[in-house]
N, C-alpha and C. Protein backbone atom coordinates (compact mmCIF):
# COMPACT_ATOMS: atom_id res chain seq x y z
N UNK A 1 25.38 156.00 51.72
CA UNK A 1 24.65 154.93 52.91
C UNK A 1 25.47 154.97 53.98
N UNK A 2 24.28 155.16 54.93
CA UNK A 2 24.85 155.19 56.39
C UNK A 2 25.51 154.23 57.35
N UNK A 3 26.57 154.71 58.44
CA UNK A 3 26.78 153.40 59.21
C UNK A 3 26.48 152.94 59.45
N UNK A 4 24.75 153.12 60.09
CA UNK A 4 23.93 152.13 60.62
C UNK A 4 24.10 151.21 59.52
N UNK A 5 23.07 151.68 58.73
CA UNK A 5 22.87 151.05 56.99
C UNK A 5 24.03 149.66 56.77
N UNK A 6 25.17 150.24 56.99
CA UNK A 6 26.16 149.34 56.33
C UNK A 6 26.76 148.33 57.08
N UNK A 7 27.02 148.49 59.13
CA UNK A 7 26.46 147.56 59.63
C UNK A 7 25.52 146.72 59.19
N UNK A 8 23.96 147.27 59.62
CA UNK A 8 22.77 146.30 59.45
C UNK A 8 22.76 145.45 58.00
N UNK A 9 23.49 146.09 56.70
CA UNK A 9 23.46 144.92 55.63
C UNK A 9 24.82 144.20 55.95
N UNK A 10 26.02 144.27 56.47
CA UNK A 10 27.06 143.09 56.85
C UNK A 10 27.01 141.84 58.06
N UNK A 11 25.35 142.80 58.52
CA UNK A 11 25.33 141.84 59.59
C UNK A 11 24.45 140.61 59.54
N UNK A 12 23.44 141.11 58.34
CA UNK A 12 22.68 140.23 57.69
C UNK A 12 23.23 139.41 56.54
N UNK A 13 24.34 139.89 55.85
CA UNK A 13 25.12 138.85 55.12
C UNK A 13 26.23 138.05 55.71
N UNK A 14 26.46 138.46 57.11
CA UNK A 14 27.47 137.33 57.23
C UNK A 14 25.98 136.32 57.87
N UNK A 15 25.36 136.14 58.82
CA UNK A 15 23.84 135.90 58.86
C UNK A 15 23.58 134.46 58.08
N UNK A 16 23.88 135.34 56.59
CA UNK A 16 23.14 134.50 55.86
C UNK A 16 24.17 133.56 55.12
N UNK A 17 25.36 133.80 55.41
CA UNK A 17 26.90 132.94 55.09
C UNK A 17 26.93 131.80 56.19
N UNK A 18 26.50 131.93 58.07
CA UNK A 18 26.99 130.90 58.40
C UNK A 18 24.93 130.28 58.13
N UNK A 19 23.94 130.69 57.62
CA UNK A 19 22.99 129.86 57.61
C UNK A 19 23.66 128.71 56.32
N UNK A 20 24.49 129.35 55.27
CA UNK A 20 24.76 128.59 54.30
C UNK A 20 25.53 128.15 54.66
N UNK A 21 26.50 127.92 55.70
CA UNK A 21 27.53 126.56 55.89
C UNK A 21 26.94 125.99 57.24
N UNK A 22 25.85 125.79 57.64
CA UNK A 22 24.94 124.56 57.96
C UNK A 22 23.85 124.41 57.66
N UNK A 23 24.40 124.82 56.07
CA UNK A 23 23.48 124.38 55.32
C UNK A 23 21.95 124.47 55.36
N UNK A 24 21.68 125.54 56.01
CA UNK A 24 19.97 126.14 56.45
C UNK A 24 19.28 126.56 55.10
N UNK A 25 20.28 127.04 54.85
CA UNK A 25 19.64 127.93 53.06
C UNK A 25 20.59 127.87 52.02
N UNK A 26 20.53 128.07 51.43
CA UNK A 26 21.67 127.57 50.21
C UNK A 26 21.63 129.12 49.41
N UNK A 27 22.80 129.83 49.32
CA UNK A 27 22.93 131.71 48.39
C UNK A 27 22.91 131.08 47.02
N UNK A 28 21.96 131.51 45.76
CA UNK A 28 21.84 131.29 44.68
C UNK A 28 22.40 132.51 43.61
N UNK A 29 22.57 133.74 44.40
CA UNK A 29 23.59 134.79 44.51
C UNK A 29 24.98 135.06 44.24
N UNK A 30 25.50 136.06 43.22
CA UNK A 30 27.17 136.09 43.80
C UNK A 30 27.08 137.31 44.78
N UNK A 31 26.23 138.17 44.39
CA UNK A 31 26.29 139.30 45.40
C UNK A 31 25.06 139.31 46.89
N UNK A 32 25.75 138.60 47.59
CA UNK A 32 24.98 138.41 48.67
C UNK A 32 24.55 140.50 49.32
N UNK A 33 24.56 140.90 49.21
CA UNK A 33 24.96 142.45 50.02
C UNK A 33 23.67 142.59 49.28
N UNK A 34 23.46 142.59 47.96
CA UNK A 34 22.44 142.94 46.78
C UNK A 34 20.68 142.21 47.63
N UNK A 35 20.68 140.75 48.12
CA UNK A 35 19.65 140.48 49.47
C UNK A 35 20.11 140.86 50.56
N UNK A 36 21.29 141.07 51.45
CA UNK A 36 21.06 141.96 52.22
C UNK A 36 20.54 143.21 52.63
N UNK A 37 20.87 143.49 51.56
CA UNK A 37 20.24 145.54 51.16
C UNK A 37 18.07 145.23 51.74
N UNK A 38 18.00 144.11 50.49
CA UNK A 38 16.56 144.01 50.76
C UNK A 38 16.08 143.43 52.27
N UNK A 39 16.56 142.54 52.72
CA UNK A 39 16.08 142.13 53.44
C UNK A 39 16.19 144.43 54.73
N UNK A 40 17.50 144.63 54.96
CA UNK A 40 17.99 145.34 55.70
C UNK A 40 16.43 146.13 55.66
N UNK A 41 16.08 147.04 54.36
CA UNK A 41 15.29 148.21 54.15
C UNK A 41 13.85 147.33 54.66
N UNK A 42 13.40 145.95 55.20
CA UNK A 42 12.22 145.63 55.09
C UNK A 42 12.75 145.73 57.16
N UNK A 43 12.91 145.60 57.08
CA UNK A 43 13.76 145.24 58.79
C UNK A 43 13.87 146.40 59.30
N UNK A 44 14.08 147.75 58.71
CA UNK A 44 14.40 149.24 59.17
C UNK A 44 12.70 149.64 59.33
N UNK A 45 12.42 149.55 58.27
CA UNK A 45 10.91 149.64 58.31
C UNK A 45 10.07 149.50 59.51
N UNK A 46 10.78 148.39 60.15
CA UNK A 46 9.65 147.83 60.95
C UNK A 46 10.78 147.57 62.89
N UNK A 47 12.03 148.56 63.01
CA UNK A 47 12.57 147.96 63.92
C UNK A 47 11.94 149.09 64.35
N UNK A 48 11.66 149.95 64.66
CA UNK A 48 10.49 150.45 65.85
C UNK A 48 9.81 150.08 66.27
N UNK A 49 9.11 148.68 66.06
CA UNK A 49 8.34 148.69 66.16
C UNK A 49 6.67 148.07 65.64
N UNK A 50 7.35 149.01 63.96
CA UNK A 50 6.23 149.08 62.98
C UNK A 50 5.68 150.74 63.35
N UNK A 51 6.48 151.01 64.21
CA UNK A 51 5.11 152.55 65.05
C UNK A 51 5.47 153.99 63.74
N UNK A 52 6.59 153.37 63.40
CA UNK A 52 7.04 155.17 63.10
C UNK A 52 7.81 154.43 61.60
N UNK A 53 7.96 155.17 60.17
CA UNK A 53 8.67 154.83 59.39
C UNK A 53 10.31 155.65 59.41
N UNK A 54 10.92 155.29 59.02
CA UNK A 54 12.46 156.16 58.43
C UNK A 54 11.93 157.25 58.43
N UNK A 55 11.43 157.83 57.83
CA UNK A 55 10.58 159.02 57.26
C UNK A 55 9.96 159.68 58.63
N UNK A 56 9.19 159.34 59.37
CA UNK A 56 8.65 159.52 60.68
C UNK A 56 9.47 159.98 61.21
N UNK A 57 10.78 158.89 61.99
CA UNK A 57 11.92 158.93 62.29
C UNK A 57 12.60 160.72 62.01
N UNK A 58 13.03 160.34 61.33
CA UNK A 58 13.65 161.58 60.56
C UNK A 58 13.08 163.15 60.83
N UNK A 59 11.55 163.20 60.53
CA UNK A 59 10.90 164.16 60.94
C UNK A 59 11.16 164.47 62.05
N UNK A 60 10.85 163.18 63.35
CA UNK A 60 11.01 163.78 64.87
C UNK A 60 12.55 164.05 64.88
N UNK A 61 13.16 164.03 64.26
CA UNK A 61 14.67 164.35 64.68
C UNK A 61 15.09 165.49 64.57
N UNK A 62 14.22 166.25 63.31
CA UNK A 62 14.17 167.67 62.50
C UNK A 62 13.95 168.45 64.01
N UNK A 63 12.39 167.92 64.24
CA UNK A 63 11.56 168.40 65.09
C UNK A 63 12.29 169.43 66.15
N UNK A 64 12.93 167.33 66.89
CA UNK A 64 13.97 167.96 68.02
C UNK A 64 14.94 169.27 68.10
N UNK A 65 15.71 169.24 67.03
CA UNK A 65 16.84 169.94 66.80
C UNK A 65 15.82 171.27 67.34
N UNK A 66 14.72 171.74 66.16
CA UNK A 66 14.51 173.06 66.47
C UNK A 66 13.64 173.60 67.42
N UNK A 67 13.50 172.48 68.33
CA UNK A 67 12.89 173.01 69.93
C UNK A 67 14.17 173.54 70.23
N UNK A 68 14.76 172.46 70.59
CA UNK A 68 16.01 172.93 71.25
C UNK A 68 16.33 174.16 70.69
N UNK A 69 16.98 174.50 69.56
CA UNK A 69 17.51 176.02 68.73
C UNK A 69 16.46 177.07 69.55
N UNK A 70 15.69 176.91 70.12
CA UNK A 70 13.93 177.99 69.81
C UNK A 70 14.11 177.86 71.66
N UNK A 71 14.87 179.43 72.19
CA UNK A 71 15.30 179.00 73.62
C UNK A 71 13.80 179.63 74.05
N UNK A 72 12.88 180.52 73.27
CA UNK A 72 11.81 180.68 73.60
C UNK A 72 11.13 179.73 74.29
N UNK A 73 11.50 178.60 73.31
CA UNK A 73 10.86 177.29 73.61
C UNK A 73 11.12 175.83 74.26
N UNK A 74 12.66 176.40 74.41
CA UNK A 74 13.30 174.96 75.44
C UNK A 74 13.85 176.11 76.40
N UNK A 75 13.47 176.29 77.21
CA UNK A 75 13.73 176.86 78.47
C UNK A 75 14.63 176.32 79.71
N UNK A 76 15.10 177.30 80.72
CA UNK A 76 15.62 176.28 81.54
C UNK A 76 14.79 175.32 82.27
N UNK A 77 13.38 175.34 82.24
CA UNK A 77 13.00 174.41 82.65
C UNK A 77 12.52 172.73 82.34
N UNK A 78 12.58 173.02 80.83
CA UNK A 78 12.13 171.68 80.23
C UNK A 78 13.59 170.79 80.20
N UNK A 79 14.03 170.49 80.95
CA UNK A 79 15.18 168.87 81.61
C UNK A 79 14.62 168.71 82.54
N UNK A 80 13.85 169.48 83.24
CA UNK A 80 13.15 168.65 84.57
C UNK A 80 11.73 168.32 83.32
N UNK A 81 11.19 169.07 82.93
CA UNK A 81 9.30 168.45 82.43
C UNK A 81 10.27 167.04 81.10
N UNK A 82 10.95 166.76 80.88
CA UNK A 82 11.44 166.41 79.43
C UNK A 82 12.28 165.11 79.88
N UNK A 83 13.19 165.77 80.67
CA UNK A 83 14.49 164.70 81.58
C UNK A 83 15.91 164.71 80.66
N UNK A 84 16.02 165.48 80.04
CA UNK A 84 17.26 165.90 79.33
C UNK A 84 17.43 167.25 79.01
N UNK A 85 19.02 167.62 79.21
CA UNK A 85 19.09 169.03 78.53
C UNK A 85 19.32 169.53 77.19
N UNK A 86 19.48 170.96 76.85
CA UNK A 86 18.97 171.01 75.28
C UNK A 86 20.71 170.18 74.44
N UNK A 87 21.38 169.67 74.72
CA UNK A 87 22.69 169.47 74.32
C UNK A 87 22.83 167.79 74.11
N UNK A 88 22.15 167.62 75.25
CA UNK A 88 21.44 165.62 75.46
C UNK A 88 20.14 165.33 74.15
N UNK A 89 19.01 166.80 74.16
CA UNK A 89 18.41 166.18 73.11
C UNK A 89 19.00 166.38 71.77
N UNK A 90 19.90 167.20 71.29
CA UNK A 90 20.82 167.31 70.18
C UNK A 90 21.27 166.33 69.73
N UNK A 91 22.15 165.61 70.52
CA UNK A 91 22.39 164.69 70.69
C UNK A 91 21.59 163.31 70.60
N UNK A 92 20.69 163.02 70.80
CA UNK A 92 19.46 162.05 70.71
C UNK A 92 19.14 162.57 69.33
N UNK A 93 18.72 163.82 68.87
CA UNK A 93 18.46 164.20 67.83
C UNK A 93 19.55 163.39 66.42
N UNK A 94 20.76 163.71 66.75
CA UNK A 94 21.83 162.97 65.46
C UNK A 94 21.75 161.93 65.18
N UNK A 95 21.66 161.07 66.86
CA UNK A 95 21.30 159.28 66.61
C UNK A 95 20.46 159.12 66.18
N UNK A 96 18.94 159.84 66.28
CA UNK A 96 17.75 159.72 65.72
C UNK A 96 17.80 159.68 64.09
N UNK A 97 18.74 160.96 63.85
CA UNK A 97 18.84 161.19 61.90
C UNK A 97 19.20 159.82 61.32
N UNK A 98 21.04 159.33 62.31
CA UNK A 98 21.87 158.51 61.63
C UNK A 98 20.97 157.26 61.13
N UNK A 99 19.80 157.27 62.45
CA UNK A 99 19.29 155.67 62.22
C UNK A 99 19.02 155.06 60.95
N UNK A 100 18.48 156.44 59.91
CA UNK A 100 17.32 156.39 58.95
C UNK A 100 18.46 156.65 58.08
N UNK A 101 17.69 156.36 56.99
CA UNK A 101 19.31 156.36 55.11
C UNK A 101 18.29 157.38 54.53
N UNK A 102 17.77 158.78 55.13
CA UNK A 102 17.53 159.78 54.20
C UNK A 102 18.39 160.73 54.13
């Protein structure tokens, strides 16, 4: 499980416990993390505005990595055209990849 997934599940679990303490809901399971994981999966599918699935985000990250590694494609002019250097794009690609649990 990725760090992003763990943090998301923990945040959802905490929110569920807070809601239970306020009597907004009653938790009827001994393992809240299972409920939180299910909620997290639905959130991850929508967190990009429903525009991209986690699989598509992973694909874009892979495409970015391959593009910056190809010096014929990602030349000296790309930072002006795209706004980021190759090193910055590598970091962006890594963050995108980490944002999915693939």
